Protein backbone atom coordinates (compact mmCIF):
# COMPACT_ATOMS: atom_id res chain seq x y z
CA MET A 1 115.23 75.31 95.45
CA ALA A 2 115.30 78.84 93.85
CA GLU A 3 114.69 81.71 96.19
CA GLU A 4 111.93 84.03 95.42
CA GLN A 5 112.80 87.55 94.31
CA TYR A 6 111.15 90.33 96.04
CA TYR A 7 111.08 94.24 95.19
CA SER A 8 110.26 97.24 97.22
CA ILE A 9 107.61 99.78 96.26
CA GLU A 10 110.55 102.11 95.32
CA GLU A 11 112.35 99.49 93.11
CA VAL A 12 108.99 98.94 91.35
CA ALA A 13 108.44 102.62 90.81
CA LYS A 14 111.71 102.94 89.48
CA THR A 15 111.45 100.28 87.10
CA LEU A 16 108.31 101.31 85.60
CA LYS A 17 109.00 104.64 85.69
CA VAL A 18 105.89 105.92 87.68
CA ALA A 19 105.88 107.83 91.39
CA TYR A 20 106.02 105.85 94.59
CA LEU A 21 102.42 106.86 95.33
CA THR A 22 101.30 105.17 92.22
CA VAL A 23 102.53 101.66 93.16
CA TYR A 24 101.28 102.12 96.50
CA ARG A 25 97.79 103.05 95.20
CA TRP A 26 97.92 100.07 92.93
CA ILE A 27 98.58 97.96 96.09
CA GLN A 28 95.69 99.50 98.03
CA ALA A 29 93.29 98.92 95.28
CA LYS A 30 94.48 95.48 94.96
CA ARG A 31 95.61 95.67 91.54
CA LEU A 32 99.25 94.53 92.47
CA THR A 33 99.48 91.80 95.27
CA ALA A 34 102.06 92.83 97.92
CA LEU A 35 103.46 91.28 101.32
CA LYS A 36 103.54 93.82 104.44
CA ALA A 37 106.45 93.27 106.42
CA GLY A 38 106.24 95.32 109.27
CA LYS A 39 105.64 98.95 107.92
CA GLN A 40 107.11 97.95 104.29
CA TYR A 41 105.88 96.34 101.32
CA ARG A 42 107.61 93.64 99.10
CA ILE A 43 106.28 92.60 95.77
CA LYS A 44 107.03 89.22 94.31
CA LYS A 45 108.55 88.98 91.10
CA ALA A 46 105.95 86.85 89.71
CA ASP A 47 103.40 88.93 90.94
CA LEU A 48 104.84 91.96 89.26
CA ASP A 49 105.03 89.92 85.91
CA THR A 50 101.49 88.87 86.27
CA PHE A 51 100.33 92.80 87.01
CA LEU A 52 102.40 93.58 83.71
CA LYS A 53 100.82 91.10 81.53
CA ILE A 54 97.33 91.75 82.71
CA HIS A 55 97.97 95.58 82.49
CA LYS A 56 100.06 95.67 79.04
CA LYS A 57 98.78 97.87 76.34
């Protein structure tokens, strides 16, 4: 069974070349699905791929 890959908000922001706060706002607006682990958020690779597919210009 393959392990799921997760990213932090910082990793997603760096990859997409946007600010940390932008990714955080996407999560708060429920545009990007994330899991909260303690005080940190983790974004599943599959959820990030779905988000990018939907919001692709």
